Structures are given as structure tokens and as C-alpha cells.
Amino acid sequence: MTQVADHFIGRAAELEATDRALAALRDGWTAPLAIEGEPGIGKTRLAQELSTRLGRSAQVLEGHCAPDGEGSAYAPFAEMVRAVRELDPLEARLAGDPDASA
């Protein structure tokens, strides 16, 4: 697996776990990876490091919950869908999918 960057300290176990999860996927498969935890423990930084390490081999989407727990539980997913739509039309990504209308 990939070596942990020198500038990213204290998360080797988490990065190795993500490496194992990604290695288990076959080409063309999609899988969600949720990084969760208390505010301020470095979730965003871990996601940024993972994104950097993956480069163009994967598309990383981020969704954030309101820090006070207020708002819709679906807000992070809506944020990710908006990000995908900005990259290219969602309809093109779903072409041929029998569940596309859902």
C-alpha cells in the first residue's frame, strides 16, 4: 500500500484502513466511505489527504453536517449531488441506469 506522507502525522491507521477498503473494490465499482467523529478531530484533513493520495483514480466528494447538529440530515448528500452536477450533468452519469428516475 501507499506510504503515509511525512507531513500527515497521527493517522497512519486510518489511511491504511481506507487503503484496504479501496483495494477490496473492483474496477468500476462505487462505494461510500464515511469519515465521522467529534468536531475538531481532523476529519476534513483526513479526507483531504485521502483525496490527494487517490489523485485521479477516484472521485472524492465531501458533504458536511452543521456543527450544531441543526439542519437536514440529508444536507451532506445534497452537497455531494450538487458537486457532481457541477462537474458534468447528472443525467449523463445515470444514462442507462434503470433506477435513474428515482
PDB file of N, CA and C in Angstrom:
ATOM      1  N   MET A   1       0.826  -1.192   0.000  1.00  0.00           N
ATOM      2  CA  MET A   1       0.000   0.000   0.000  1.00  0.00           C
ATOM      3  C   MET A   1       0.873   1.260   0.000  1.00  0.00           C
ATOM      4  N   THR A   2       0.225   2.381  -0.101  1.00  0.00           N
ATOM      5  CA  THR A   2       0.899   3.658  -0.177  1.00  0.00           C
ATOM      6  C   THR A   2       1.473   4.058   1.175  1.00  0.00           C
ATOM      7  N   GLN A   3       2.658   4.649   1.142  1.00  0.00           N
ATOM      8  CA  GLN A   3       3.259   5.129   2.365  1.00  0.00           C
ATOM      9  C   GLN A   3       2.597   6.417   2.808  1.00  0.00           C
ATOM     10  N   VAL A   4       2.497   6.609   4.116  1.00  0.00           N
ATOM     11  CA  VAL A   4       1.887   7.816   4.663  1.00  0.00           C
ATOM     12  C   VAL A   4       2.839   8.989   4.442  1.00  0.00           C
ATOM     13  N   ALA A   5       2.287  10.096   3.990  1.00  0.00           N
ATOM     14  CA  ALA A   5       3.095  11.292   3.748  1.00  0.00           C
ATOM     15  C   ALA A   5       3.716  11.786   5.044  1.00  0.00           C
ATOM     16  N   ASP A   6       4.953  12.285   4.945  1.00  0.00           N
ATOM     17  CA  ASP A   6       5.667  12.777   6.123  1.00  0.00           C
ATOM     18  C   ASP A   6       4.940  13.914   6.818  1.00  0.00           C
ATOM     19  N   HIS A   7       4.204  14.724   6.064  1.00  0.00           N
ATOM     20  CA  HIS A   7       3.540  15.894   6.632  1.00  0.00           C
ATOM     21  C   HIS A   7       2.190  15.581   7.262  1.00  0.00           C
ATOM     22  N   PHE A   8       1.771  14.338   7.206  1.00  0.00           N
ATOM     23  CA  PHE A   8       0.476  13.950   7.753  1.00  0.00           C
ATOM     24  C   PHE A   8       0.731  12.951   8.874  1.00  0.00           C
ATOM     25  N   ILE A   9       0.669  13.422  10.082  1.00  0.00           N
ATOM     26  CA  ILE A   9       1.099  12.638  11.229  1.00  0.00           C
ATOM     27  C   ILE A   9      -0.099  12.194  12.060  1.00  0.00           C
ATOM     28  N   GLY A  10      -0.039  10.980  12.566  1.00  0.00           N
ATOM     29  CA  GLY A  10      -1.026  10.509  13.523  1.00  0.00           C
ATOM     30  C   GLY A  10      -2.241   9.825  12.945  1.00  0.00           C
ATOM     31  N   ARG A  11      -2.289   9.608  11.663  1.00  0.00           N
ATOM     32  CA  ARG A  11      -3.458   8.979  11.043  1.00  0.00           C
ATOM     33  C   ARG A  11      -3.073   7.791  10.172  1.00  0.00           C
ATOM     34  N   ALA A  12      -1.948   7.175  10.428  1.00  0.00           N
ATOM     35  CA  ALA A  12      -1.500   6.043   9.613  1.00  0.00           C
ATOM     36  C   ALA A  12      -2.525   4.917   9.633  1.00  0.00           C
ATOM     37  N   ALA A  13      -3.078   4.607  10.798  1.00  0.00           N
ATOM     38  CA  ALA A  13      -4.048   3.510  10.890  1.00  0.00           C
ATOM     39  C   ALA A  13      -5.291   3.803  10.057  1.00  0.00           C
ATOM     40  N   GLU A  14      -5.770   5.043  10.094  1.00  0.00           N
ATOM     41  CA  GLU A  14      -6.956   5.415   9.334  1.00  0.00           C
ATOM     42  C   GLU A  14      -6.694   5.337   7.832  1.00  0.00           C
ATOM     43  N   LEU A  15      -5.520   5.819   7.405  1.00  0.00           N
ATOM     44  CA  LEU A  15      -5.182   5.767   5.985  1.00  0.00           C
ATOM     45  C   LEU A  15      -4.999   4.324   5.514  1.00  0.00           C
ATOM     46  N   GLU A  16      -4.413   3.482   6.342  1.00  0.00           N
ATOM     47  CA  GLU A  16      -4.267   2.072   5.978  1.00  0.00           C
ATOM     48  C   GLU A  16      -5.631   1.398   5.861  1.00  0.00           C
ATOM     49  N   ALA A  17      -6.564   1.756   6.741  1.00  0.00           N
ATOM     50  CA  ALA A  17      -7.920   1.195   6.671  1.00  0.00           C
ATOM     51  C   ALA A  17      -8.603   1.610   5.374  1.00  0.00           C
ATOM     52  N   THR A  18      -8.415   2.847   4.959  1.00  0.00           N
ATOM     53  CA  THR A  18      -9.016   3.290   3.697  1.00  0.00           C
ATOM     54  C   THR A  18      -8.352   2.583   2.524  1.00  0.00           C
ATOM     55  N   ASP A  19      -7.038   2.353   2.601  1.00  0.00           N
ATOM     56  CA  ASP A  19      -6.348   1.609   1.542  1.00  0.00           C
ATOM     57  C   ASP A  19      -6.939   0.206   1.405  1.00  0.00           C
ATOM     58  N   ARG A  20      -7.175  -0.458   2.538  1.00  0.00           N
ATOM     59  CA  ARG A  20      -7.742  -1.814   2.495  1.00  0.00           C
ATOM     60  C   ARG A  20      -9.152  -1.796   1.897  1.00  0.00           C
ATOM     61  N   ALA A  21      -9.953  -0.823   2.301  1.00  0.00           N
ATOM     62  CA  ALA A  21     -11.322  -0.739   1.783  1.00  0.00           C
ATOM     63  C   ALA A  21     -11.318  -0.498   0.281  1.00  0.00           C
ATOM     64  N   LEU A  22     -10.448   0.374  -0.185  1.00  0.00           N
ATOM     65  CA  LEU A  22     -10.395   0.677  -1.613  1.00  0.00           C
ATOM     66  C   LEU A  22      -9.828  -0.487  -2.413  1.00  0.00           C
ATOM     67  N   ALA A  23      -8.865  -1.218  -1.843  1.00  0.00           N
ATOM     68  CA  ALA A  23      -8.286  -2.370  -2.537  1.00  0.00           C
ATOM     69  C   ALA A  23      -9.315  -3.480  -2.720  1.00  0.00           C
ATOM     70  N   ALA A  24     -10.296  -3.542  -1.841  1.00  0.00           N
ATOM     71  CA  ALA A  24     -11.329  -4.577  -1.925  1.00  0.00           C
ATOM     72  C   ALA A  24     -12.314  -4.316  -3.056  1.00  0.00           C
ATOM     73  N   LEU A  25     -12.335  -3.110  -3.557  1.00  0.00           N
ATOM     74  CA  LEU A  25     -13.255  -2.780  -4.652  1.00  0.00           C
ATOM     75  C   LEU A  25     -12.668  -3.213  -5.978  1.00  0.00           C
ATOM     76  N   ARG A  26     -13.552  -3.612  -6.868  1.00  0.00           N
ATOM     77  CA  ARG A  26     -13.118  -3.934  -8.223  1.00  0.00           C
ATOM     78  C   ARG A  26     -13.240  -2.683  -9.077  1.00  0.00           C
ATOM     79  N   ASP A  27     -12.499  -2.670 -10.175  1.00  0.00           N
ATOM     80  CA  ASP A  27     -12.570  -1.535 -11.101  1.00  0.00           C
ATOM     81  C   ASP A  27     -14.009  -1.262 -11.497  1.00  0.00           C
ATOM     82  N   GLY A  28     -14.362   0.008 -11.477  1.00  0.00           N
ATOM     83  CA  GLY A  28     -15.685   0.423 -11.897  1.00  0.00           C
ATOM     84  C   GLY A  28     -16.724   0.408 -10.796  1.00  0.00           C
ATOM     85  N   TRP A  29     -16.386  -0.097  -9.636  1.00  0.00           N
ATOM     86  CA  TRP A  29     -17.344  -0.138  -8.531  1.00  0.00           C
ATOM     87  C   TRP A  29     -17.304   1.168  -7.764  1.00  0.00           C
ATOM     88  N   THR A  30     -18.386   1.462  -7.119  1.00  0.00           N
ATOM     89  CA  THR A  30     -18.500   2.656  -6.291  1.00  0.00           C
ATOM     90  C   THR A  30     -18.829   2.218  -4.879  1.00  0.00           C
ATOM     91  N   ALA A  31     -18.225   2.881  -3.926  1.00  0.00           N
ATOM     92  CA  ALA A  31     -18.526   2.570  -2.529  1.00  0.00           C
ATOM     93  C   ALA A  31     -18.394   3.840  -1.704  1.00  0.00           C
ATOM     94  N   PRO A  32     -19.317   4.033  -0.795  1.00  0.00           N
ATOM     95  CA  PRO A  32     -19.186   5.197   0.097  1.00  0.00           C
ATOM     96  C   PRO A  32     -18.186   4.905   1.201  1.00  0.00           C
ATOM     97  N   LEU A  33     -17.496   5.922   1.594  1.00  0.00           N
ATOM     98  CA  LEU A  33     -16.587   5.843   2.729  1.00  0.00           C
ATOM     99  C   LEU A  33     -16.925   7.024   3.614  1.00  0.00           C
ATOM    100  N   ALA A  34     -17.457   6.763   4.779  1.00  0.00           N
ATOM    101  CA  ALA A  34     -17.856   7.839   5.687  1.00  0.00           C
ATOM    102  C   ALA A  34     -16.760   8.035   6.733  1.00  0.00           C
ATOM    103  N   ILE A  35     -16.373   9.266   6.908  1.00  0.00           N
ATOM    104  CA  ILE A  35     -15.433   9.631   7.963  1.00  0.00           C
ATOM    105  C   ILE A  35     -16.243  10.413   8.975  1.00  0.00           C
ATOM    106  N   GLU A  36     -16.371   9.865  10.164  1.00  0.00           N
ATOM    107  CA  GLU A  36     -17.219  10.507  11.159  1.00  0.00           C
ATOM    108  C   GLU A  36     -16.476  10.620  12.479  1.00  0.00           C
ATOM    109  N   GLY A  37     -16.938  11.532  13.295  1.00  0.00           N
ATOM    110  CA  GLY A  37     -16.335  11.722  14.604  1.00  0.00           C
ATOM    111  C   GLY A  37     -16.695  13.074  15.180  1.00  0.00           C
ATOM    112  N   GLU A  38     -16.203  13.316  16.345  1.00  0.00           N
ATOM    113  CA  GLU A  38     -16.470  14.570  17.040  1.00  0.00           C
ATOM    114  C   GLU A  38     -15.862  15.751  16.279  1.00  0.00           C
ATOM    115  N   PRO A  39     -16.441  16.940  16.455  1.00  0.00           N
ATOM    116  CA  PRO A  39     -15.886  18.135  15.799  1.00  0.00           C
ATOM    117  C   PRO A  39     -14.444  18.381  16.221  1.00  0.00           C
ATOM    118  N   GLY A  40     -13.639  18.770  15.248  1.00  0.00           N
ATOM    119  CA  GLY A  40     -12.268  19.189  15.539  1.00  0.00           C
ATOM    120  C   GLY A  40     -11.227  18.090  15.637  1.00  0.00           C
ATOM    121  N   ILE A  41     -11.584  16.840  15.273  1.00  0.00           N
ATOM    122  CA  ILE A  41     -10.592  15.773  15.403  1.00  0.00           C
ATOM    123  C   ILE A  41      -9.808  15.519  14.123  1.00  0.00           C
ATOM    124  N   GLY A  42     -10.124  16.260  13.056  1.00  0.00           N
ATOM    125  CA  GLY A  42      -9.344  16.156  11.830  1.00  0.00           C
ATOM    126  C   GLY A  42      -9.983  15.354  10.713  1.00  0.00           C
ATOM    127  N   LYS A  43     -11.301  15.260  10.702  1.00  0.00           N
ATOM    128  CA  LYS A  43     -11.987  14.503   9.653  1.00  0.00           C
ATOM    129  C   LYS A  43     -11.745  15.119   8.282  1.00  0.00           C
ATOM    130  N   THR A  44     -11.880  16.422   8.180  1.00  0.00           N
ATOM    131  CA  THR A  44     -11.685  17.092   6.895  1.00  0.00           C
ATOM    132  C   THR A  44     -10.247  16.930   6.431  1.00  0.00           C
ATOM    133  N   ARG A  45      -9.307  17.049   7.332  1.00  0.00           N
ATOM    134  CA  ARG A  45      -7.893  16.898   6.973  1.00  0.00           C
ATOM    135  C   ARG A  45      -7.608  15.478   6.489  1.00  0.00           C
ATOM    136  N   LEU A  46      -8.200  14.489   7.134  1.00  0.00           N
ATOM    137  CA  LEU A  46      -8.035  13.095   6.703  1.00  0.00           C
ATOM    138  C   LEU A  46      -8.612  12.907   5.306  1.00  0.00           C
ATOM    139  N   ALA A  47      -9.790  13.457   5.045  1.00  0.00           N
ATOM    140  CA  ALA A  47     -10.410  13.356   3.717  1.00  0.00           C
ATOM    141  C   ALA A  47      -9.555  14.044   2.662  1.00  0.00           C
ATOM    142  N   GLN A  48      -8.969  15.179   2.993  1.00  0.00           N
ATOM    143  CA  GLN A  48      -8.103  15.885   2.046  1.00  0.00           C
ATOM    144  C   GLN A  48      -6.864  15.060   1.715  1.00  0.00           C
ATOM    145  N   GLU A  49      -6.275  14.447   2.720  1.00  0.00           N
ATOM    146  CA  GLU A  49      -5.098  13.605   2.483  1.00  0.00           C
ATOM    147  C   GLU A  49      -5.459  12.402   1.626  1.00  0.00           C
ATOM    148  N   LEU A  50      -6.592  11.788   1.907  1.00  0.00           N
ATOM    149  CA  LEU A  50      -7.042  10.652   1.111  1.00  0.00           C
ATOM    150  C   LEU A  50      -7.265  11.072  -0.341  1.00  0.00           C
ATOM    151  N   SER A  51      -7.902  12.201  -0.543  1.00  0.00           N
ATOM    152  CA  SER A  51      -8.149  12.712  -1.887  1.00  0.00           C
ATOM    153  C   SER A  51      -6.837  12.955  -2.629  1.00  0.00           C
ATOM    154  N   THR A  52      -5.872  13.537  -1.948  1.00  0.00           N
ATOM    155  CA  THR A  52      -4.564  13.797  -2.547  1.00  0.00           C
ATOM    156  C   THR A  52      -3.889  12.494  -2.954  1.00  0.00           C
ATOM    157  N   ARG A  53      -3.958  11.509  -2.090  1.00  0.00           N
ATOM    158  CA  ARG A  53      -3.314  10.225  -2.361  1.00  0.00           C
ATOM    159  C   ARG A  53      -3.980   9.489  -3.510  1.00  0.00           C
ATOM    160  N   LEU A  54      -5.298   9.619  -3.643  1.00  0.00           N
ATOM    161  CA  LEU A  54      -6.015   8.925  -4.705  1.00  0.00           C
ATOM    162  C   LEU A  54      -5.831   9.587  -6.059  1.00  0.00           C
ATOM    163  N   GLY A  55      -5.609  10.899  -6.044  1.00  0.00           N
ATOM    164  CA  GLY A  55      -5.425  11.616  -7.296  1.00  0.00           C
ATOM    165  C   GLY A  55      -6.609  11.433  -8.216  1.00  0.00           C
ATOM    166  N   ARG A  56      -6.328  11.111  -9.461  1.00  0.00           N
ATOM    167  CA  ARG A  56      -7.389  10.953 -10.462  1.00  0.00           C
ATOM    168  C   ARG A  56      -7.981   9.546 -10.478  1.00  0.00           C
ATOM    169  N   SER A  57      -7.500   8.672  -9.604  1.00  0.00           N
ATOM    170  CA  SER A  57      -8.012   7.297  -9.623  1.00  0.00           C
ATOM    171  C   SER A  57      -9.394   7.168  -8.989  1.00  0.00           C
ATOM    172  N   ALA A  58      -9.844   8.207  -8.323  1.00  0.00           N
ATOM    173  CA  ALA A  58     -11.168   8.178  -7.693  1.00  0.00           C
ATOM    174  C   ALA A  58     -11.705   9.596  -7.597  1.00  0.00           C
ATOM    175  N   GLN A  59     -13.013   9.684  -7.530  1.00  0.00           N
ATOM    176  CA  GLN A  59     -13.640  10.979  -7.320  1.00  0.00           C
ATOM    177  C   GLN A  59     -14.052  11.050  -5.863  1.00  0.00           C
ATOM    178  N   VAL A  60     -13.570  12.060  -5.170  1.00  0.00           N
ATOM    179  CA  VAL A  60     -13.870  12.237  -3.755  1.00  0.00           C
ATOM    180  C   VAL A  60     -14.865  13.377  -3.621  1.00  0.00           C
ATOM    181  N   LEU A  61     -15.977  13.096  -2.960  1.00  0.00           N
ATOM    182  CA  LEU A  61     -16.998  14.105  -2.714  1.00  0.00           C
ATOM    183  C   LEU A  61     -17.083  14.347  -1.220  1.00  0.00           C
ATOM    184  N   GLU A  62     -17.269  15.573  -0.835  1.00  0.00           N
ATOM    185  CA  GLU A  62     -17.394  15.907   0.579  1.00  0.00           C
ATOM    186  C   GLU A  62     -18.768  16.468   0.867  1.00  0.00           C
ATOM    187  N   GLY A  63     -19.314  16.091   1.995  1.00  0.00           N
ATOM    188  CA  GLY A  63     -20.557  16.644   2.491  1.00  0.00           C
ATOM    189  C   GLY A  63     -20.393  16.917   3.969  1.00  0.00           C
ATOM    190  N   HIS A  64     -20.915  18.017   4.421  1.00  0.00           N
ATOM    191  CA  HIS A  64     -20.711  18.425   5.814  1.00  0.00           C
ATOM    192  C   HIS A  64     -22.035  18.604   6.547  1.00  0.00           C
ATOM    193  N   CYS A  65     -22.041  18.217   7.795  1.00  0.00           N
ATOM    194  CA  CYS A  65     -23.188  18.460   8.670  1.00  0.00           C
ATOM    195  C   CYS A  65     -22.979  19.803   9.361  1.00  0.00           C
ATOM    196  N   ALA A  66     -24.076  20.418   9.759  1.00  0.00           N
ATOM    197  CA  ALA A  66     -23.979  21.657  10.532  1.00  0.00           C
ATOM    198  C   ALA A  66     -23.309  21.331  11.873  1.00  0.00           C
ATOM    199  N   PRO A  67     -22.382  22.179  12.323  1.00  0.00           N
ATOM    200  CA  PRO A  67     -21.650  21.870  13.550  1.00  0.00           C
ATOM    201  C   PRO A  67     -22.530  21.761  14.789  1.00  0.00           C
ATOM    202  N   ASP A  68     -23.658  22.418  14.773  1.00  0.00           N
ATOM    203  CA  ASP A  68     -24.534  22.382  15.946  1.00  0.00           C
ATOM    204  C   ASP A  68     -25.576  21.273  15.867  1.00  0.00           C
ATOM    205  N   GLY A  69     -25.512  20.461  14.799  1.00  0.00           N
ATOM    206  CA  GLY A  69     -26.462  19.371  14.639  1.00  0.00           C
ATOM    207  C   GLY A  69     -27.796  19.798  14.072  1.00  0.00           C
ATOM    208  N   GLU A  70     -27.948  21.073  13.793  1.00  0.00           N
ATOM    209  CA  GLU A  70     -29.194  21.580  13.224  1.00  0.00           C
ATOM    210  C   GLU A  70     -29.194  21.352  11.719  1.00  0.00           C
ATOM    211  N   GLY A  71     -30.369  21.414  11.148  1.00  0.00           N
ATOM    212  CA  GLY A  71     -30.488  21.287   9.710  1.00  0.00           C
ATOM    213  C   GLY A  71     -30.841  19.873   9.304  1.00  0.00           C
ATOM    214  N   SER A  72     -30.952  19.682   8.028  1.00  0.00           N
ATOM    215  CA  SER A  72     -31.381  18.406   7.469  1.00  0.00           C
ATOM    216  C   SER A  72     -30.291  17.346   7.579  1.00  0.00           C
ATOM    217  N   ALA A  73     -30.717  16.147   7.875  1.00  0.00           N
ATOM    218  CA  ALA A  73     -29.782  15.018   7.900  1.00  0.00           C
ATOM    219  C   ALA A  73     -29.281  14.707   6.495  1.00  0.00           C
ATOM    220  N   TYR A  74     -30.017  15.173   5.487  1.00  0.00           N
ATOM    221  CA  TYR A  74     -29.646  14.916   4.103  1.00  0.00           C
ATOM    222  C   TYR A  74     -28.748  16.006   3.519  1.00  0.00           C
ATOM    223  N   ALA A  75     -28.459  17.031   4.263  1.00  0.00           N
ATOM    224  CA  ALA A  75     -27.654  18.144   3.754  1.00  0.00           C
ATOM    225  C   ALA A  75     -26.304  17.695   3.191  1.00  0.00           C
ATOM    226  N   PRO A  76     -25.572  16.777   3.852  1.00  0.00           N
ATOM    227  CA  PRO A  76     -24.291  16.349   3.276  1.00  0.00           C
ATOM    228  C   PRO A  76     -24.459  15.678   1.915  1.00  0.00           C
ATOM    229  N   PHE A  77     -25.529  14.887   1.753  1.00  0.00           N
ATOM    230  CA  PHE A  77     -25.761  14.216   0.475  1.00  0.00           C
ATOM    231  C   PHE A  77     -26.151  15.216  -0.605  1.00  0.00           C
ATOM    232  N   ALA A  78     -26.960  16.194  -0.253  1.00  0.00           N
ATOM    233  CA  ALA A  78     -27.338  17.238  -1.205  1.00  0.00           C
ATOM    234  C   ALA A  78     -26.101  18.008  -1.661  1.00  0.00           C
ATOM    235  N   GLU A  79     -25.184  18.264  -0.736  1.00  0.00           N
ATOM    236  CA  GLU A  79     -23.940  18.960  -1.072  1.00  0.00           C
ATOM    237  C   GLU A  79     -23.123  18.144  -2.080  1.00  0.00           C
ATOM    238  N   MET A  80     -23.081  16.828  -1.891  1.00  0.00           N
ATOM    239  CA  MET A  80     -22.322  15.970  -2.800  1.00  0.00           C
ATOM    240  C   MET A  80     -22.978  15.893  -4.173  1.00  0.00           C
ATOM    241  N   VAL A  81     -24.299  15.816  -4.214  1.00  0.00           N
ATOM    242  CA  VAL A  81     -25.002  15.781  -5.501  1.00  0.00           C
ATOM    243  C   VAL A  81     -24.765  17.078  -6.266  1.00  0.00           C
ATOM    244  N   ARG A  82     -24.815  18.211  -5.564  1.00  0.00           N
ATOM    245  CA  ARG A  82     -24.528  19.493  -6.226  1.00  0.00           C
ATOM    246  C   ARG A  82     -23.114  19.506  -6.798  1.00  0.00           C
ATOM    247  N   ALA A  83     -22.156  18.953  -6.073  1.00  0.00           N
ATOM    248  CA  ALA A  83     -20.769  18.914  -6.553  1.00  0.00           C
ATOM    249  C   ALA A  83     -20.658  18.068  -7.818  1.00  0.00           C
ATOM    250  N   VAL A  84     -21.349  16.940  -7.864  1.00  0.00           N
ATOM    251  CA  VAL A  84     -21.324  16.081  -9.047  1.00  0.00           C
ATOM    252  C   VAL A  84     -21.951  16.805 -10.226  1.00  0.00           C
ATOM    253  N   ARG A  85     -23.068  17.481  -9.988  1.00  0.00           N
ATOM    254  CA  ARG A  85     -23.754  18.207 -11.066  1.00  0.00           C
ATOM    255  C   ARG A  85     -22.878  19.304 -11.641  1.00  0.00           C
ATOM    256  N   GLU A  86     -22.029  19.907 -10.829  1.00  0.00           N
ATOM    257  CA  GLU A  86     -21.134  20.956 -11.329  1.00  0.00           C
ATOM    258  C   GLU A  86     -20.065  20.383 -12.245  1.00  0.00           C
ATOM    259  N   LEU A  87     -19.659  19.127 -12.016  1.00  0.00           N
ATOM    260  CA  LEU A  87     -18.622  18.506 -12.835  1.00  0.00           C
ATOM    261  C   LEU A  87     -19.144  18.140 -14.213  1.00  0.00           C
ATOM    262  N   ASP A  88     -20.293  17.515 -14.264  1.00  0.00           N
ATOM    263  CA  ASP A  88     -20.944  17.206 -15.529  1.00  0.00           C
ATOM    264  C   ASP A  88     -22.399  16.856 -15.236  1.00  0.00           C
ATOM    265  N   PRO A  89     -23.244  16.873 -16.249  1.00  0.00           N
ATOM    266  CA  PRO A  89     -24.664  16.635 -15.997  1.00  0.00           C
ATOM    267  C   PRO A  89     -24.918  15.278 -15.350  1.00  0.00           C
ATOM    268  N   LEU A  90     -25.720  15.281 -14.320  1.00  0.00           N
ATOM    269  CA  LEU A  90     -26.057  14.054 -13.610  1.00  0.00           C
ATOM    270  C   LEU A  90     -26.770  13.072 -14.536  1.00  0.00           C
ATOM    271  N   GLU A  91     -27.563  13.591 -15.446  1.00  0.00           N
ATOM    272  CA  GLU A  91     -28.294  12.733 -16.365  1.00  0.00           C
ATOM    273  C   GLU A  91     -27.331  11.884 -17.199  1.00  0.00           C
ATOM    274  N   ALA A  92     -26.197  12.461 -17.602  1.00  0.00           N
ATOM    275  CA  ALA A  92     -25.211  11.712 -18.388  1.00  0.00           C
ATOM    276  C   ALA A  92     -24.597  10.591 -17.560  1.00  0.00           C
ATOM    277  N   ARG A  93     -24.374  10.830 -16.287  1.00  0.00           N
ATOM    278  CA  ARG A  93     -23.813   9.796 -15.413  1.00  0.00           C
ATOM    279  C   ARG A  93     -24.797   8.654 -15.187  1.00  0.00           C
ATOM    280  N   LEU A  94     -26.084   8.964 -15.222  1.00  0.00           N
ATOM    281  CA  LEU A  94     -27.102   7.959 -14.930  1.00  0.00           C
ATOM    282  C   LEU A  94     -27.682   7.300 -16.178  1.00  0.00           C
ATOM    283  N   ALA A  95     -27.220   7.707 -17.350  1.00  0.00           N
ATOM    284  CA  ALA A  95     -27.757   7.176 -18.605  1.00  0.00           C
ATOM    285  C   ALA A  95     -27.672   5.646 -18.599  1.00  0.00           C
ATOM    286  N   GLY A  96     -28.798   5.021 -18.914  1.00  0.00           N
ATOM    287  CA  GLY A  96     -28.838   3.570 -18.966  1.00  0.00           C
ATOM    288  C   GLY A  96     -29.130   2.902 -17.642  1.00  0.00           C
ATOM    289  N   ASP A  97     -29.152   3.644 -16.568  1.00  0.00           N
ATOM    290  CA  ASP A  97     -29.466   3.074 -15.252  1.00  0.00           C
ATOM    291  C   ASP A  97     -30.983   2.968 -15.119  1.00  0.00           C
ATOM    292  N   PRO A  98     -31.509   1.760 -14.875  1.00  0.00           N
ATOM    293  CA  PRO A  98     -32.963   1.605 -14.787  1.00  0.00           C
ATOM    294  C   PRO A  98     -33.589   2.373 -13.604  1.00  0.00           C
ATOM    295  N   ASP A  99     -32.780   2.745 -12.613  1.00  0.00           N
ATOM    296  CA  ASP A  99     -33.290   3.487 -11.469  1.00  0.00           C
ATOM    297  C   ASP A  99     -32.995   4.985 -11.564  1.00  0.00           C
ATOM    298  N   ALA A 100     -32.610   5.466 -12.736  1.00  0.00           N
ATOM    299  CA  ALA A 100     -32.207   6.854 -12.885  1.00  0.00           C
ATOM    300  C   ALA A 100     -33.295   7.842 -12.492  1.00  0.00           C
ATOM    301  N   SER A 101     -34.542   7.510 -12.775  1.00  0.00           N
ATOM    302  CA  SER A 101     -35.623   8.446 -12.459  1.00  0.00           C
ATOM    303  C   SER A 101     -35.796   8.631 -10.951  1.00  0.00           C
ATOM    304  N   ALA A 102     -35.422   7.631 -10.180  1.00  0.00           N
ATOM    305  CA  ALA A 102     -35.541   7.739  -8.713  1.00  0.00           C
ATOM    306  C   ALA A 102     -34.542   8.754  -8.208  1.00  0.00           C
TER     307      ALA A 102
END
